[in-house]
């Protein structure tokens, strides 16, 4: 039986402050969401992170996680968005 991965793209954008990565990663770990890949940059004081995560073992639905992360972003002053990989790929196809 093939091992399927439920991939989601998470983007985090906003003014750079201490603890952004820690707070996002703490939420993901506590929700059983595995980080597959991560890229993060800071340009002139603005923080930008893109993560590809595996939600196969997540203890919440995609919608609940997306809502939780959006609220977390508001608390720490950044915008956090989640998209299913297949939707992301269809939207960004050339």
Protein backbone atom coordinates (compact mmCIF):
# COMPACT_ATOMS: atom_id res chain seq x y z
CA UNK A 1 0.00 0.00 0.00
CA UNK A 2 1.39 3.37 -1.04
CA UNK A 3 2.18 5.88 1.69
CA UNK A 4 0.31 9.09 0.81
CA UNK A 5 1.30 12.50 2.06
CA UNK A 6 -1.29 15.24 2.67
CA UNK A 7 0.77 18.30 1.72
CA UNK A 8 -0.17 21.86 2.64
CA UNK A 9 1.65 25.11 1.84
CA UNK A 10 1.88 27.58 4.73
CA UNK A 11 3.06 31.15 4.16
CA UNK A 12 3.96 33.61 6.92
CA UNK A 13 4.56 37.27 6.06
CA UNK A 14 4.97 40.36 8.23
CA UNK A 15 7.26 42.66 10.17
CA UNK A 16 10.11 40.66 11.68
CA UNK A 17 9.88 40.05 15.43
CA UNK A 18 11.45 37.56 17.83
CA UNK A 19 9.72 34.18 18.05
CA UNK A 20 7.72 33.94 14.81
CA UNK A 21 9.27 30.62 13.72
CA UNK A 22 9.15 29.22 17.26
CA UNK A 23 5.45 29.99 17.71
CA UNK A 24 4.42 28.61 14.31
CA UNK A 25 6.54 25.46 14.72
CA UNK A 26 5.26 24.91 18.28
CA UNK A 27 1.68 24.98 16.97
CA UNK A 28 2.53 22.57 14.14
CA UNK A 29 4.29 20.12 16.46
CA UNK A 30 1.46 20.18 19.01
CA UNK A 31 -1.02 19.45 16.18
CA UNK A 32 1.02 16.48 14.83
CA UNK A 33 1.86 18.36 11.60
CA UNK A 34 5.28 17.48 10.15
CA UNK A 35 7.43 20.09 8.38
CA UNK A 36 8.78 18.67 5.10
CA UNK A 37 10.53 21.80 3.81
CA UNK A 38 11.00 25.35 5.01
CA UNK A 39 12.39 28.54 3.50
CA UNK A 40 12.68 31.80 5.40
CA UNK A 41 14.08 35.21 4.52
CA UNK A 42 14.13 38.66 6.05
CA UNK A 43 14.27 41.60 3.65
CA UNK A 44 14.56 45.14 5.07
CA UNK A 45 12.86 44.12 8.31
CA UNK A 46 10.08 42.07 6.69
CA UNK A 47 9.83 38.38 7.50
CA UNK A 48 8.77 35.87 4.81
CA UNK A 49 8.51 32.12 5.39
CA UNK A 50 7.12 29.35 3.24
CA UNK A 51 6.67 25.84 4.58
CA UNK A 52 5.54 22.60 3.02
CA UNK A 53 3.97 20.44 5.70
CA UNK A 54 2.46 16.96 5.91
CA UNK A 55 -0.99 16.97 7.54
CA UNK A 56 -1.50 13.18 7.23
CA UNK A 57 -1.35 12.69 11.03
CA UNK A 58 -2.79 16.08 12.04
CA UNK A 59 -5.17 15.91 14.99
CA UNK A 60 -7.39 18.63 13.48
CA UNK A 61 -8.98 19.22 10.08
CA UNK A 62 -7.32 21.40 7.45
CA UNK A 63 -9.93 24.11 8.09
CA UNK A 64 -9.39 24.11 11.85
CA UNK A 65 -5.61 24.33 11.41
CA UNK A 66 -5.93 27.14 8.84
CA UNK A 67 -8.20 29.09 11.23
CA UNK A 68 -5.91 28.46 14.22
CA UNK A 69 -2.84 29.61 12.27
CA UNK A 70 -4.63 32.71 10.99
CA UNK A 71 -5.54 33.62 14.61
CA UNK A 72 -1.97 32.90 15.75
CA UNK A 73 -0.71 35.22 13.02
CA UNK A 74 -3.00 38.01 14.24
CA UNK A 75 -1.66 37.52 17.79
CA UNK A 76 1.98 37.82 16.69
CA UNK A 77 1.47 40.48 14.01
CA UNK A 78 1.96 38.46 10.82
CA UNK A 79 -0.27 37.04 8.10
CA UNK A 80 -0.41 33.23 8.02
CA UNK A 81 -2.16 31.49 5.12
CA UNK A 82 -2.62 27.79 4.36
CA UNK A 83 -3.36 26.19 1.00
CA UNK A 84 -3.67 22.57 -0.01
CA UNK A 85 -0.78 21.68 -2.33
CA UNK A 86 -3.04 20.74 -5.26
CA UNK A 87 -4.89 24.09 -5.07
CA UNK A 88 -1.61 25.99 -4.77
CA UNK A 89 -0.20 24.23 -7.84
CA UNK A 90 -3.32 24.90 -9.93
CA UNK A 91 -3.30 28.59 -8.95
CA UNK A 92 0.40 29.04 -9.76
CA UNK A 93 0.62 27.04 -12.99
CA UNK A 94 2.12 28.98 -15.90
